[in-house]
Amino acid sequence: MSADVRPATFAALDLPSPLLKALTRQGVTEPFPIQAATLPDALQGRDVLGRGRTGSGKTLAFGLAMLARTAGRRAEPGRPLALVLVPTRELAQQVTEALTPYAEAVRLRLATVVGGLSVNRQASALRRGAEIVVATPGRLTDLIERGDCRLGRVAVTVLDEADQMADMGFLPQVTRLLDQVPGDGQRMLFSATLDRDVDRLVRRFLHAPVTHSVDPPAGAVTTMEHHLLHVTEDDKHDTTASIAARDGRVIMFVGKKHAADRLTRKLTARGVQAAALHGGKSQSQRNRALEGFRSGTLTVLVATNVAARGIHVDDLDLVVNVDPPADHKDYLHRGGRTARAGQSGTVVTLVLPEQRRDMDRLMTAAGIRPRTTRIRPGDAELARITGARTPSAAPVAAAPAKPSGSGNTSPRKRKPRGERTRHSAPAPRGRAPRRKVSSQNT
């Protein structure tokens, strides 16, 4: 559909009346570009590839079509009618929360199926009947192997963050799940980037898909500033701490989970309210860290790439790559935590001397022309760009390692394997290492 005939309002779309009323109640009246572009085709049952930058409204783009096409049907126990596959627990919960008011409006039941939470409770929810299942691949596979879920009646399948779902870690699980979905159903793949990895799934599972790419390259997003801050190894920690002490929240990305824990300890020792978010944390710890960050109780979230996919925090104006990302896709997803839905934001990357050449290549691949500045702690330019200030010397209490009463209530208790990211080991240039994915880290 060409841009000049896209619907200007949701009322112009062929949506059920209860969904239109729910949109009005939520204060949502005009579709974002990704929604206006994809919904007409998706509502007709066509297979869709949708590319829109993070924060562009992709959840409602596929969600409204899925709900409209499922409305009026009832699922048998353990046999969902629609499936949304996502790479992380947090994204699964966010998608569920975003779609719940609209699902309730058309009397459809949602179930969230993720690792780190009670598998028995999730099995019970499926047995009670759920038309829509939002799942990570590992846990859904577990439930299928237990006999608690079958995909033979799924008519609409969505892959959210499709590029990550198509990487070599997730691809075998995703492929096995899609093989269990009837071949004549609708498939929709949405992501901020659609590349050759996604194309493998497209060729195998989609039929005459229509592609909609509605957003400009990251470098053309006028509400987002990109800065490379050249620092020395000796100055890096003090620079990080002064940015963390700013008046306002910030997500700081690091490469590995132990680096997230170490930086969190250092920041809390200097008076900064910080918490770590990574795949080695229990689900209750991850939920608590996100809730504290969203509410403002915590001002710094130190995260690995687990938070770079789909986590939405209102009014976040700064993202800092303490460790540069492995490739331009990781950069775009990390940076997408800010400047969402037309808001302004800044993405800062701390670059050591030996990292400069690789970062220049990464920026070129991302289509970004960053502003480059050589800085030291206390520099006025650092304060102007990030709001950095001198941290307090008074330590704050760190979050306990294991909150009482929390943890995995699955009958098969096992030590978390932790997350494996592209930063787990040096990778050959241009290709990420293979990684194993299970319900423990999804």
Foldseek 3Di string as FASTA:
>chain_A
DDPVPFDQWPVVEPADPLLCVLCVVVVHTGAFPQQSVQQNCLLVFAAEETADFFQRPVLCSNLRSVLRVLQPDWFAQQEAAEEEEEAALQQLVVSCVVNVSSCVSRVFFEAEFFFLAALVVSLVSSRVTGRYYYYYLFRVVVCVVVVSHAHANHQEYEYEQLVVCLAQANNVSVVVVLVRHDLNHHYYYYHNDDDPSSVVVCVPRHDPYDYDYDDDFPQPLVQEAEEEEEEAPVQLLQLVLLLLQFDAAEEEEDAFQVVLVVSQVVNLQLPAQEDEAFLQARPVSNVVRLVCCLVVVHRYYYYYLSCLGNDEHPPHAEYEYSPDDPALVSVSSRSSNHCRPNHHHYYYYYAYPVCVVVVVVRCVVSVHDHHYYYDGPPDPVSCVRRVGDRTHNHGDDYDDRDDPPGTYPYPDDDRQPTDDDQSNDDDDPPGGDHDHDHSSRD
